[in-house]
Amino acid sequence: MTPPQRQRRSPKAPPVAQPAKEGERRNPERMFVVGGDGELRADLDLVTLITARADPPPSATPEQTALLRLCTAPLSVAELSAYLNLPFSVVTVVLTDMLADELVQAHKPLVRQSVADRSLLEAVMHGLQKL
């Protein structure tokens, strides 16, 4: 007895998205996808600190409301991204809109000198010697 021959399957065409019928629910797009200008972004780094300047307005998106509630104390953009479980790029888009509306304030991290100032070290040394 010979085994049956396998027939090759022809590749199927990808399914075509059907428009939503009346009464059928579809997942809406998030507001940060619909709104926001993708070309203009604030110069935000992972360690840039963000603080809220106002309470969430009634027209704020859920992401903006969550950011404003988290930023009562300064938080870095990386922390905000982790707390909201959103990618860094999405958080920067939302923050750019919020910075333009003056809802939040961005603080650049302080860059410390690699070597301390000699006059400061000498002043501290003389102060300690006088004790």
N, C-alpha and C. Protein backbone atom coordinates (compact mmCIF):
# COMPACT_ATOMS: atom_id res chain seq x y z
N MET A 1 0.84 -1.17 0.00
CA MET A 1 0.00 0.00 0.00
C MET A 1 0.89 1.24 0.00
N THR A 2 0.58 2.20 -0.80
CA THR A 2 1.38 3.42 -0.88
C THR A 2 0.74 4.50 -0.02
N PRO A 3 1.58 5.33 0.62
CA PRO A 3 1.02 6.39 1.45
C PRO A 3 0.35 7.46 0.57
N PRO A 4 -0.63 8.13 1.12
CA PRO A 4 -1.31 9.16 0.33
C PRO A 4 -0.36 10.34 0.08
N GLN A 5 -0.50 10.95 -1.04
CA GLN A 5 0.32 12.11 -1.41
C GLN A 5 -0.21 13.37 -0.70
N ARG A 6 0.72 14.14 -0.20
CA ARG A 6 0.33 15.40 0.43
C ARG A 6 0.07 16.45 -0.64
N GLN A 7 -0.93 17.20 -0.40
CA GLN A 7 -1.22 18.28 -1.33
C GLN A 7 -0.69 19.58 -0.74
N ARG A 8 -0.09 20.38 -1.57
CA ARG A 8 0.42 21.67 -1.12
C ARG A 8 -0.73 22.65 -0.94
N ARG A 9 -0.60 23.40 0.11
CA ARG A 9 -1.59 24.43 0.36
C ARG A 9 -1.17 25.69 -0.36
N SER A 10 -2.11 26.32 -0.97
CA SER A 10 -1.80 27.59 -1.62
C SER A 10 -1.82 28.67 -0.54
N PRO A 11 -0.91 29.65 -0.63
CA PRO A 11 -0.87 30.69 0.40
C PRO A 11 -2.17 31.49 0.37
N LYS A 12 -2.69 31.72 1.57
CA LYS A 12 -3.93 32.48 1.68
C LYS A 12 -3.62 33.97 1.67
N ALA A 13 -4.55 34.71 1.16
CA ALA A 13 -4.43 36.16 1.20
C ALA A 13 -4.68 36.62 2.62
N PRO A 14 -3.98 37.67 3.06
CA PRO A 14 -4.22 38.16 4.42
C PRO A 14 -5.65 38.65 4.55
N PRO A 15 -6.22 38.51 5.75
CA PRO A 15 -7.60 38.94 5.93
C PRO A 15 -7.74 40.45 5.75
N VAL A 16 -8.82 40.84 5.13
CA VAL A 16 -9.09 42.25 4.88
C VAL A 16 -9.90 42.79 6.05
N ALA A 17 -9.49 43.94 6.57
CA ALA A 17 -10.20 44.53 7.70
C ALA A 17 -11.57 44.99 7.23
N GLN A 18 -12.58 44.53 7.90
CA GLN A 18 -13.95 44.89 7.56
C GLN A 18 -14.35 46.12 8.37
N PRO A 19 -15.08 47.03 7.77
CA PRO A 19 -15.54 48.17 8.56
C PRO A 19 -16.50 47.71 9.65
N ALA A 20 -16.52 48.44 10.72
CA ALA A 20 -17.36 48.06 11.86
C ALA A 20 -18.83 48.21 11.49
N LYS A 21 -19.60 47.19 11.82
CA LYS A 21 -21.02 47.24 11.57
C LYS A 21 -21.68 48.01 12.71
N GLU A 22 -22.87 48.47 12.46
CA GLU A 22 -23.56 49.23 13.48
C GLU A 22 -23.83 48.36 14.70
N GLY A 23 -23.51 48.87 15.86
CA GLY A 23 -23.71 48.11 17.09
C GLY A 23 -22.49 47.28 17.47
N GLU A 24 -21.54 47.10 16.56
CA GLU A 24 -20.33 46.31 16.85
C GLU A 24 -19.28 47.23 17.45
N ARG A 25 -18.64 46.80 18.54
CA ARG A 25 -17.65 47.63 19.21
C ARG A 25 -16.26 47.30 18.69
N ARG A 26 -15.46 48.33 18.48
CA ARG A 26 -14.07 48.17 18.08
C ARG A 26 -13.21 48.88 19.11
N ASN A 27 -11.96 48.48 19.20
CA ASN A 27 -11.05 49.12 20.14
C ASN A 27 -10.67 50.49 19.62
N PRO A 28 -10.92 51.54 20.39
CA PRO A 28 -10.55 52.88 19.93
C PRO A 28 -9.05 53.10 20.04
N GLU A 29 -8.56 54.01 19.24
CA GLU A 29 -7.14 54.35 19.31
C GLU A 29 -6.91 55.25 20.52
N ARG A 30 -5.75 55.13 21.13
CA ARG A 30 -5.40 55.98 22.26
C ARG A 30 -5.21 57.40 21.77
N MET A 31 -5.45 58.36 22.66
CA MET A 31 -5.37 59.76 22.28
C MET A 31 -3.95 60.17 21.92
N PHE A 32 -2.92 59.55 22.54
CA PHE A 32 -1.56 59.95 22.19
C PHE A 32 -1.20 59.47 20.79
N VAL A 33 -1.97 58.51 20.23
CA VAL A 33 -1.74 58.08 18.86
C VAL A 33 -2.44 59.03 17.90
N VAL A 34 -3.65 59.43 18.25
CA VAL A 34 -4.44 60.30 17.39
C VAL A 34 -3.90 61.72 17.43
N GLY A 35 -3.72 62.25 18.63
CA GLY A 35 -3.29 63.64 18.77
C GLY A 35 -1.79 63.75 18.86
N GLY A 36 -1.34 64.95 19.03
CA GLY A 36 0.10 65.19 19.19
C GLY A 36 0.80 65.31 17.86
N ASP A 37 1.75 66.19 17.80
CA ASP A 37 2.53 66.41 16.59
C ASP A 37 3.80 65.58 16.70
N GLY A 38 3.94 64.55 15.90
CA GLY A 38 5.07 63.64 15.99
C GLY A 38 6.40 64.27 15.65
N GLU A 39 6.37 65.43 14.96
CA GLU A 39 7.63 66.04 14.55
C GLU A 39 8.28 66.84 15.66
N LEU A 40 7.48 67.54 16.45
CA LEU A 40 8.03 68.39 17.50
C LEU A 40 8.00 67.66 18.82
N ARG A 41 9.17 67.44 19.39
CA ARG A 41 9.27 66.78 20.69
C ARG A 41 10.18 67.59 21.58
N ALA A 42 9.84 67.61 22.85
CA ALA A 42 10.68 68.29 23.82
C ALA A 42 11.97 67.50 24.00
N ASP A 43 13.01 68.21 24.35
CA ASP A 43 14.31 67.58 24.56
C ASP A 43 14.33 66.95 25.95
N LEU A 44 13.79 65.73 26.04
CA LEU A 44 13.71 65.02 27.30
C LEU A 44 14.67 63.85 27.32
N ASP A 45 15.31 63.66 28.45
CA ASP A 45 16.24 62.56 28.64
C ASP A 45 15.62 61.60 29.65
N LEU A 46 16.20 60.43 29.80
CA LEU A 46 15.68 59.46 30.76
C LEU A 46 15.72 59.99 32.19
N VAL A 47 16.69 60.86 32.48
CA VAL A 47 16.87 61.35 33.85
C VAL A 47 16.30 62.75 34.06
N THR A 48 15.60 63.30 33.07
CA THR A 48 14.97 64.59 33.23
C THR A 48 13.86 64.48 34.26
N LEU A 49 13.86 65.40 35.23
CA LEU A 49 12.86 65.36 36.29
C LEU A 49 11.63 66.16 35.87
N ILE A 50 10.46 65.60 36.15
CA ILE A 50 9.20 66.22 35.79
C ILE A 50 8.40 66.49 37.06
N THR A 51 7.86 67.71 37.18
CA THR A 51 6.98 68.05 38.30
C THR A 51 5.70 68.66 37.75
N ALA A 52 4.60 68.39 38.42
CA ALA A 52 3.30 68.92 38.01
C ALA A 52 3.20 70.38 38.42
N ARG A 53 2.58 71.19 37.56
CA ARG A 53 2.37 72.60 37.86
C ARG A 53 0.91 72.91 38.12
N ALA A 54 0.04 71.96 37.76
CA ALA A 54 -1.41 72.20 37.91
C ALA A 54 -2.12 70.87 38.13
N ASP A 55 -3.37 70.97 38.53
CA ASP A 55 -4.22 69.79 38.65
C ASP A 55 -4.67 69.37 37.25
N PRO A 56 -5.06 68.12 37.09
CA PRO A 56 -5.52 67.67 35.76
C PRO A 56 -6.78 68.42 35.33
N PRO A 57 -6.77 69.03 34.14
CA PRO A 57 -7.98 69.69 33.65
C PRO A 57 -9.01 68.65 33.23
N PRO A 58 -10.26 69.03 33.11
CA PRO A 58 -11.29 68.07 32.69
C PRO A 58 -11.06 67.49 31.30
N SER A 59 -10.35 68.23 30.45
CA SER A 59 -10.12 67.76 29.09
C SER A 59 -8.88 66.87 28.96
N ALA A 60 -8.21 66.57 30.07
CA ALA A 60 -6.97 65.78 30.03
C ALA A 60 -7.27 64.32 29.68
N THR A 61 -6.34 63.72 28.95
CA THR A 61 -6.46 62.30 28.62
C THR A 61 -6.13 61.48 29.86
N PRO A 62 -6.47 60.19 29.86
CA PRO A 62 -6.13 59.36 31.03
C PRO A 62 -4.63 59.32 31.31
N GLU A 63 -3.81 59.33 30.27
CA GLU A 63 -2.36 59.31 30.45
C GLU A 63 -1.88 60.59 31.10
N GLN A 64 -2.43 61.74 30.64
CA GLN A 64 -2.04 63.02 31.22
C GLN A 64 -2.47 63.12 32.68
N THR A 65 -3.66 62.64 32.98
CA THR A 65 -4.14 62.66 34.36
C THR A 65 -3.24 61.81 35.26
N ALA A 66 -2.87 60.63 34.78
CA ALA A 66 -2.00 59.76 35.57
C ALA A 66 -0.63 60.40 35.78
N LEU A 67 -0.09 61.04 34.74
CA LEU A 67 1.21 61.71 34.87
C LEU A 67 1.14 62.85 35.89
N LEU A 68 0.08 63.63 35.83
CA LEU A 68 -0.02 64.75 36.77
C LEU A 68 -0.19 64.27 38.20
N ARG A 69 -0.87 63.19 38.40
CA ARG A 69 -1.03 62.66 39.76
C ARG A 69 0.27 62.07 40.29
N LEU A 70 1.07 61.48 39.40
CA LEU A 70 2.35 60.92 39.83
C LEU A 70 3.39 62.00 40.11
N CYS A 71 3.29 63.12 39.43
CA CYS A 71 4.36 64.13 39.48
C CYS A 71 4.16 65.18 40.56
N THR A 72 3.46 64.85 41.63
CA THR A 72 3.37 65.81 42.72
C THR A 72 4.75 66.03 43.33
N ALA A 73 5.57 65.01 43.33
CA ALA A 73 6.99 65.11 43.68
C ALA A 73 7.78 64.85 42.39
N PRO A 74 8.96 65.43 42.25
CA PRO A 74 9.72 65.23 41.01
C PRO A 74 10.03 63.76 40.74
N LEU A 75 9.76 63.33 39.51
CA LEU A 75 10.07 61.97 39.06
C LEU A 75 10.76 62.06 37.71
N SER A 76 11.66 61.12 37.46
CA SER A 76 12.34 61.09 36.16
C SER A 76 11.41 60.52 35.10
N VAL A 77 11.72 60.80 33.86
CA VAL A 77 10.91 60.30 32.74
C VAL A 77 10.98 58.77 32.71
N ALA A 78 12.11 58.19 33.06
CA ALA A 78 12.23 56.73 33.10
C ALA A 78 11.30 56.14 34.15
N GLU A 79 11.21 56.78 35.32
CA GLU A 79 10.31 56.29 36.37
C GLU A 79 8.85 56.39 35.92
N LEU A 80 8.50 57.51 35.28
CA LEU A 80 7.13 57.68 34.80
C LEU A 80 6.78 56.62 33.78
N SER A 81 7.72 56.35 32.89
CA SER A 81 7.51 55.32 31.87
C SER A 81 7.28 53.96 32.52
N ALA A 82 8.04 53.65 33.55
CA ALA A 82 7.89 52.36 34.23
C ALA A 82 6.58 52.29 35.01
N TYR A 83 6.24 53.36 35.73
CA TYR A 83 5.01 53.35 36.52
C TYR A 83 3.76 53.23 35.66
N LEU A 84 3.79 53.89 34.49
CA LEU A 84 2.61 53.86 33.61
C LEU A 84 2.63 52.69 32.64
N ASN A 85 3.73 51.94 32.63
CA ASN A 85 3.88 50.81 31.72
C ASN A 85 3.69 51.23 30.26
N LEU A 86 4.30 52.37 29.93
CA LEU A 86 4.28 52.90 28.57
C LEU A 86 5.71 53.05 28.07
N PRO A 87 5.93 52.91 26.77
CA PRO A 87 7.29 53.11 26.25
C PRO A 87 7.76 54.55 26.44
N PHE A 88 9.07 54.71 26.50
CA PHE A 88 9.67 56.04 26.70
C PHE A 88 9.22 57.01 25.62
N SER A 89 9.15 56.55 24.37
CA SER A 89 8.77 57.44 23.27
C SER A 89 7.34 57.95 23.43
N VAL A 90 6.45 57.11 23.94
CA VAL A 90 5.06 57.54 24.15
C VAL A 90 5.00 58.57 25.27
N VAL A 91 5.74 58.33 26.33
CA VAL A 91 5.75 59.26 27.46
C VAL A 91 6.30 60.61 27.01
N THR A 92 7.32 60.63 26.15
CA THR A 92 7.86 61.91 25.68
C THR A 92 6.84 62.66 24.83
N VAL A 93 6.04 61.95 24.04
CA VAL A 93 5.01 62.61 23.24
C VAL A 93 3.97 63.24 24.15
N VAL A 94 3.51 62.50 25.15
CA VAL A 94 2.51 63.02 26.08
C VAL A 94 3.09 64.20 26.87
N LEU A 95 4.33 64.07 27.33
CA LEU A 95 4.96 65.15 28.09
C LEU A 95 5.19 66.39 27.24
N THR A 96 5.48 66.22 25.96
CA THR A 96 5.67 67.36 25.07
C THR A 96 4.39 68.19 25.00
N ASP A 97 3.26 67.52 24.85
CA ASP A 97 1.98 68.23 24.84
C ASP A 97 1.72 68.92 26.18
N MET A 98 2.07 68.25 27.27
CA MET A 98 1.83 68.81 28.59
C MET A 98 2.76 69.99 28.88
N LEU A 99 3.99 69.94 28.37
CA LEU A 99 4.91 71.06 28.53
C LEU A 99 4.41 72.27 27.75
N ALA A 100 3.85 72.03 26.55
CA ALA A 100 3.32 73.13 25.75
C ALA A 100 2.12 73.78 26.43
N ASP A 101 1.32 72.99 27.13
CA ASP A 101 0.15 73.50 27.85
C ASP A 101 0.50 74.00 29.25
N GLU A 102 1.78 73.94 29.62
CA GLU A 102 2.30 74.38 30.92
C GLU A 102 1.64 73.65 32.08
N LEU A 103 1.36 72.36 31.90
CA LEU A 103 0.83 71.53 32.98
C LEU A 103 1.94 70.93 33.82
N VAL A 104 3.12 70.73 33.22
CA VAL A 104 4.26 70.17 33.93
C VAL A 104 5.48 71.04 33.67
N GLN A 105 6.50 70.82 34.48
CA GLN A 105 7.76 71.53 34.33
C GLN A 105 8.88 70.51 34.29
N ALA A 106 9.82 70.69 33.37
CA ALA A 106 10.95 69.77 33.22
C ALA A 106 12.20 70.41 33.81
N HIS A 107 12.95 69.62 34.57
CA HIS A 107 14.21 70.07 35.17
C HIS A 107 15.32 69.18 34.66
N LYS A 108 16.31 69.79 34.05
CA LYS A 108 17.48 69.03 33.60
C LYS A 108 18.30 68.61 34.80
N PRO A 109 18.90 67.43 34.76
CA PRO A 109 19.72 67.00 35.90
C PRO A 109 20.98 67.86 36.01
N LEU A 110 21.43 68.03 37.24
CA LEU A 110 22.64 68.79 37.48
C LEU A 110 23.85 67.95 37.10
N VAL A 111 24.76 68.57 36.36
CA VAL A 111 25.99 67.88 35.98
C VAL A 111 27.07 68.37 36.93
N ARG A 112 27.59 67.46 37.69
CA ARG A 112 28.61 67.82 38.67
C ARG A 112 29.99 67.76 38.02
N GLN A 113 30.88 68.59 38.54
CA GLN A 113 32.25 68.58 38.03
C GLN A 113 32.92 67.30 38.47
N SER A 114 33.78 66.78 37.62
CA SER A 114 34.49 65.54 37.97
C SER A 114 35.53 65.79 39.06
N VAL A 115 36.11 66.99 39.10
CA VAL A 115 37.11 67.32 40.10
C VAL A 115 36.58 68.51 40.90
N ALA A 116 36.67 68.41 42.22
CA ALA A 116 36.19 69.48 43.07
C ALA A 116 37.08 70.72 42.94
N ASP A 117 36.51 71.86 43.21
CA ASP A 117 37.23 73.13 43.14
C ASP A 117 38.27 73.17 44.27
N ARG A 118 39.50 73.51 43.93
CA ARG A 118 40.60 73.50 44.91
C ARG A 118 40.36 74.51 46.03
N SER A 119 39.86 75.69 45.69
CA SER A 119 39.65 76.71 46.73
C SER A 119 38.58 76.25 47.73
N LEU A 120 37.58 75.53 47.26
CA LEU A 120 36.56 75.02 48.17
C LEU A 120 37.16 73.98 49.12
N LEU A 121 37.99 73.07 48.56
CA LEU A 121 38.62 72.05 49.40
C LEU A 121 39.54 72.68 50.44
N GLU A 122 40.27 73.73 50.05
CA GLU A 122 41.16 74.41 51.00
C GLU A 122 40.37 75.10 52.09
N ALA A 123 39.24 75.70 51.74
CA ALA A 123 38.39 76.38 52.74
C ALA A 123 37.84 75.36 53.72
N VAL A 124 37.43 74.22 53.25
CA VAL A 124 36.93 73.17 54.15
C VAL A 124 38.04 72.67 55.05
N MET A 125 39.24 72.48 54.49
CA MET A 125 40.38 71.99 55.27
C MET A 125 40.75 73.00 56.37
N HIS A 126 40.78 74.31 56.06
CA HIS A 126 41.12 75.33 57.06
C HIS A 126 40.03 75.40 58.12
N GLY A 127 38.76 75.24 57.72
CA GLY A 127 37.68 75.24 58.69
C GLY A 127 37.78 74.08 59.65
N LEU A 128 38.15 72.90 59.13
CA LEU A 128 38.30 71.74 60.00
C LEU A 128 39.51 71.89 60.92
N GLN A 129 40.57 72.52 60.45
CA GLN A 129 41.74 72.70 61.29
C GLN A 129 41.47 73.66 62.45
N LYS A 130 40.57 74.62 62.23
CA LYS A 130 40.25 75.57 63.29
C LYS A 130 39.39 74.95 64.38
N LEU A 131 38.79 73.81 64.12
CA LEU A 131 37.97 73.16 65.15
C LEU A 131 38.82 72.62 66.22
